[in-house]
Amino acid sequence: MIRALTFHTVTCDVCGDQDDEELILFDTPETAAETARRSGWLVTADHLAICPTTDDPHRAALDALLPPPPDTGATGQLTFDTDPAT
C-alpha cells in the first residue's frame, strides 16, 4: 500500500537547528509547538520557532518580536539638555 502521511517537526527559524539530534515527528502543529515550548523554545501564534540559543542572531530575532518602546515625551515637555531661555 502506498499512502501519504502528514507530520510536523520543529526547526529553529534563526539557525535551522531541530529540537533534538534525532528527527521527532508530531501529528499536529499544536503538539509540536507545545513540546518545543516545554523544551525552552519560543513558539509564536503563527508558528515561528526560536530555539533557546543565546547568541546575537537569536537575541536579535527575539528583540524584533518586541513592541516598540512607548513614546514618553509629553507636549511642551523640556529635555534635560534644553535651555528654557531659548
N, C-alpha and C. Protein backbone atom coordinates (compact mmCIF):
# COMPACT_ATOMS: atom_id res chain seq x y z
N MET A 1 0.84 -1.16 0.00
CA MET A 1 0.00 0.00 0.00
C MET A 1 0.90 1.24 0.00
N ILE A 2 0.54 2.21 -0.78
CA ILE A 2 1.21 3.50 -0.79
C ILE A 2 0.21 4.53 -0.32
N ARG A 3 0.64 5.29 0.70
CA ARG A 3 -0.28 6.32 1.20
C ARG A 3 0.54 7.52 1.67
N ALA A 4 -0.09 8.64 1.65
CA ALA A 4 0.58 9.88 2.07
C ALA A 4 0.40 10.07 3.56
N LEU A 5 1.47 10.50 4.21
CA LEU A 5 1.43 10.78 5.63
C LEU A 5 1.84 12.24 5.85
N THR A 6 1.15 12.91 6.72
CA THR A 6 1.50 14.28 7.05
C THR A 6 2.01 14.30 8.48
N PHE A 7 3.15 14.95 8.69
CA PHE A 7 3.69 15.08 10.03
C PHE A 7 4.30 16.46 10.18
N HIS A 8 4.63 16.81 11.40
CA HIS A 8 5.18 18.12 11.71
C HIS A 8 6.45 17.96 12.53
N THR A 9 7.43 18.84 12.29
CA THR A 9 8.65 18.86 13.07
C THR A 9 8.88 20.30 13.52
N VAL A 10 9.84 20.49 14.41
CA VAL A 10 10.19 21.83 14.90
C VAL A 10 11.61 22.13 14.47
N THR A 11 11.79 23.25 13.77
CA THR A 11 13.10 23.71 13.33
C THR A 11 13.22 25.19 13.66
N CYS A 12 14.37 25.60 14.20
CA CYS A 12 14.58 26.98 14.57
C CYS A 12 14.59 27.87 13.33
N ASP A 13 13.81 28.95 13.36
CA ASP A 13 13.76 29.88 12.24
C ASP A 13 15.01 30.76 12.15
N VAL A 14 15.85 30.75 13.17
CA VAL A 14 17.07 31.55 13.14
C VAL A 14 18.25 30.73 12.63
N CYS A 15 18.48 29.57 13.25
CA CYS A 15 19.68 28.79 12.92
C CYS A 15 19.39 27.48 12.19
N GLY A 16 18.15 27.07 12.13
CA GLY A 16 17.81 25.83 11.44
C GLY A 16 17.96 24.58 12.27
N ASP A 17 18.39 24.72 13.54
CA ASP A 17 18.54 23.55 14.40
C ASP A 17 17.19 22.95 14.73
N GLN A 18 17.20 21.63 14.91
CA GLN A 18 16.00 20.94 15.34
C GLN A 18 16.02 20.78 16.84
N ASP A 19 14.87 20.41 17.39
CA ASP A 19 14.71 20.28 18.83
C ASP A 19 15.71 19.28 19.43
N ASP A 20 15.97 18.21 18.76
CA ASP A 20 16.90 17.18 19.23
C ASP A 20 17.76 16.72 18.06
N GLU A 21 18.73 15.90 18.35
CA GLU A 21 19.58 15.36 17.29
C GLU A 21 18.82 14.41 16.38
N GLU A 22 17.82 13.75 16.91
CA GLU A 22 17.02 12.85 16.08
C GLU A 22 15.76 13.57 15.64
N LEU A 23 15.21 13.18 14.51
CA LEU A 23 14.02 13.81 13.96
C LEU A 23 12.80 13.30 14.72
N ILE A 24 12.09 14.23 15.35
CA ILE A 24 10.88 13.88 16.10
C ILE A 24 9.69 14.34 15.29
N LEU A 25 8.75 13.46 15.08
CA LEU A 25 7.57 13.74 14.27
C LEU A 25 6.35 13.91 15.16
N PHE A 26 5.52 14.87 14.83
CA PHE A 26 4.30 15.15 15.60
C PHE A 26 3.10 15.07 14.67
N ASP A 27 1.96 14.66 15.25
CA ASP A 27 0.73 14.54 14.47
C ASP A 27 0.14 15.90 14.11
N THR A 28 0.28 16.87 15.01
CA THR A 28 -0.33 18.18 14.77
C THR A 28 0.69 19.28 15.03
N PRO A 29 0.51 20.45 14.42
CA PRO A 29 1.40 21.57 14.71
C PRO A 29 1.28 22.04 16.17
N GLU A 30 0.12 21.88 16.75
CA GLU A 30 -0.08 22.26 18.15
C GLU A 30 0.76 21.39 19.09
N THR A 31 0.80 20.10 18.82
CA THR A 31 1.61 19.20 19.64
C THR A 31 3.10 19.51 19.47
N ALA A 32 3.52 19.81 18.26
CA ALA A 32 4.91 20.17 18.01
C ALA A 32 5.27 21.46 18.76
N ALA A 33 4.39 22.46 18.69
CA ALA A 33 4.64 23.73 19.36
C ALA A 33 4.70 23.56 20.88
N GLU A 34 3.78 22.82 21.44
CA GLU A 34 3.75 22.62 22.90
C GLU A 34 5.00 21.88 23.37
N THR A 35 5.43 20.88 22.64
CA THR A 35 6.64 20.15 23.01
C THR A 35 7.86 21.06 22.93
N ALA A 36 7.94 21.87 21.91
CA ALA A 36 9.06 22.81 21.79
C ALA A 36 9.06 23.81 22.94
N ARG A 37 7.90 24.34 23.29
CA ARG A 37 7.81 25.28 24.42
C ARG A 37 8.30 24.65 25.71
N ARG A 38 7.91 23.40 25.94
CA ARG A 38 8.37 22.71 27.15
C ARG A 38 9.88 22.48 27.15
N SER A 39 10.50 22.52 25.97
CA SER A 39 11.95 22.36 25.86
C SER A 39 12.68 23.70 25.87
N GLY A 40 11.96 24.80 26.15
CA GLY A 40 12.60 26.10 26.26
C GLY A 40 12.59 26.93 25.00
N TRP A 41 11.91 26.48 23.96
CA TRP A 41 11.82 27.24 22.72
C TRP A 41 10.72 28.30 22.83
N LEU A 42 10.85 29.35 22.04
CA LEU A 42 9.77 30.32 21.87
C LEU A 42 9.04 29.94 20.59
N VAL A 43 7.74 29.74 20.69
CA VAL A 43 6.92 29.44 19.51
C VAL A 43 5.78 30.45 19.51
N THR A 44 5.69 31.23 18.44
CA THR A 44 4.66 32.27 18.35
C THR A 44 3.35 31.67 17.82
N ALA A 45 2.31 32.48 17.84
CA ALA A 45 1.00 32.03 17.37
C ALA A 45 1.02 31.65 15.89
N ASP A 46 1.90 32.27 15.11
CA ASP A 46 1.99 31.93 13.69
C ASP A 46 3.08 30.88 13.42
N HIS A 47 3.48 30.16 14.46
CA HIS A 47 4.41 29.02 14.40
C HIS A 47 5.84 29.41 14.04
N LEU A 48 6.25 30.62 14.34
CA LEU A 48 7.66 30.97 14.29
C LEU A 48 8.31 30.30 15.49
N ALA A 49 9.41 29.58 15.27
CA ALA A 49 10.06 28.85 16.36
C ALA A 49 11.50 29.35 16.50
N ILE A 50 11.87 29.69 17.74
CA ILE A 50 13.23 30.14 18.03
C ILE A 50 13.77 29.29 19.18
N CYS A 51 14.90 28.62 18.92
CA CYS A 51 15.49 27.76 19.94
C CYS A 51 16.13 28.59 21.05
N PRO A 52 16.47 27.99 22.19
CA PRO A 52 16.97 28.76 23.33
C PRO A 52 18.44 29.17 23.25
N THR A 53 19.06 29.10 22.09
CA THR A 53 20.44 29.57 21.93
C THR A 53 20.48 31.06 22.22
N THR A 54 21.55 31.53 22.88
CA THR A 54 21.59 32.94 23.30
C THR A 54 22.66 33.75 22.58
N ASP A 55 22.91 33.46 21.31
CA ASP A 55 23.88 34.26 20.57
C ASP A 55 23.20 35.50 19.98
N ASP A 56 23.99 36.35 19.33
CA ASP A 56 23.47 37.61 18.81
C ASP A 56 22.32 37.45 17.81
N PRO A 57 22.40 36.53 16.84
CA PRO A 57 21.27 36.38 15.91
C PRO A 57 19.96 35.99 16.60
N HIS A 58 20.05 35.12 17.61
CA HIS A 58 18.83 34.71 18.32
C HIS A 58 18.29 35.87 19.16
N ARG A 59 19.17 36.63 19.80
CA ARG A 59 18.71 37.80 20.57
C ARG A 59 18.07 38.83 19.65
N ALA A 60 18.64 39.04 18.46
CA ALA A 60 18.06 39.99 17.50
C ALA A 60 16.68 39.53 17.05
N ALA A 61 16.51 38.24 16.83
CA ALA A 61 15.20 37.71 16.43
C ALA A 61 14.18 37.92 17.54
N LEU A 62 14.58 37.70 18.78
CA LEU A 62 13.66 37.91 19.90
C LEU A 62 13.33 39.40 20.06
N ASP A 63 14.35 40.27 19.92
CA ASP A 63 14.11 41.71 20.02
C ASP A 63 13.15 42.20 18.94
N ALA A 64 13.23 41.61 17.75
CA ALA A 64 12.35 42.02 16.66
C ALA A 64 10.88 41.71 16.95
N LEU A 65 10.64 40.76 17.85
CA LEU A 65 9.26 40.41 18.21
C LEU A 65 8.66 41.35 19.26
N LEU A 66 9.51 42.14 19.92
CA LEU A 66 9.03 43.04 20.97
C LEU A 66 8.33 44.25 20.36
N PRO A 67 7.34 44.80 21.05
CA PRO A 67 6.70 46.02 20.55
C PRO A 67 7.67 47.20 20.66
N PRO A 68 7.43 48.27 19.90
CA PRO A 68 8.32 49.43 20.00
C PRO A 68 8.18 50.07 21.38
N PRO A 69 9.24 50.74 21.84
CA PRO A 69 9.14 51.39 23.15
C PRO A 69 8.09 52.50 23.11
N PRO A 70 7.45 52.76 24.23
CA PRO A 70 6.41 53.79 24.25
C PRO A 70 7.03 55.18 24.11
N ASP A 71 6.24 56.10 23.56
CA ASP A 71 6.66 57.49 23.46
C ASP A 71 6.47 58.11 24.84
N THR A 72 7.58 58.51 25.47
CA THR A 72 7.49 59.01 26.83
C THR A 72 7.45 60.53 26.90
N GLY A 73 7.56 61.19 25.74
CA GLY A 73 7.52 62.65 25.73
C GLY A 73 6.10 63.18 25.90
N ALA A 74 6.00 64.34 26.53
CA ALA A 74 4.70 64.99 26.68
C ALA A 74 4.76 66.35 25.97
N THR A 75 3.64 66.81 25.49
CA THR A 75 3.59 68.09 24.79
C THR A 75 4.10 69.21 25.71
N GLY A 76 5.06 69.98 25.19
CA GLY A 76 5.62 71.08 25.95
C GLY A 76 6.68 70.69 26.94
N GLN A 77 7.00 69.43 27.03
CA GLN A 77 7.99 68.96 27.99
C GLN A 77 9.39 69.32 27.51
N LEU A 78 10.23 69.82 28.42
CA LEU A 78 11.60 70.15 28.10
C LEU A 78 12.50 68.95 28.38
N THR A 79 13.52 68.78 27.55
CA THR A 79 14.50 67.74 27.82
C THR A 79 15.57 68.30 28.74
N PHE A 80 16.39 67.46 29.31
CA PHE A 80 17.42 67.88 30.25
C PHE A 80 18.45 68.80 29.60
N ASP A 81 18.70 68.61 28.32
CA ASP A 81 19.72 69.44 27.67
C ASP A 81 19.15 70.66 26.96
N THR A 82 17.91 71.02 27.24
CA THR A 82 17.28 72.18 26.62
C THR A 82 17.32 73.37 27.57
N ASP A 83 17.72 74.51 27.05
CA ASP A 83 17.75 75.73 27.83
C ASP A 83 16.39 76.42 27.68
N PRO A 84 15.62 76.57 28.74
CA PRO A 84 14.28 77.17 28.61
C PRO A 84 14.33 78.62 28.16
N ALA A 85 15.50 79.28 28.24
CA ALA A 85 15.60 80.69 27.83
C ALA A 85 15.63 80.84 26.32
N THR A 86 15.90 79.74 25.59
CA THR A 86 15.99 79.84 24.14
C THR A 86 14.76 79.36 23.46
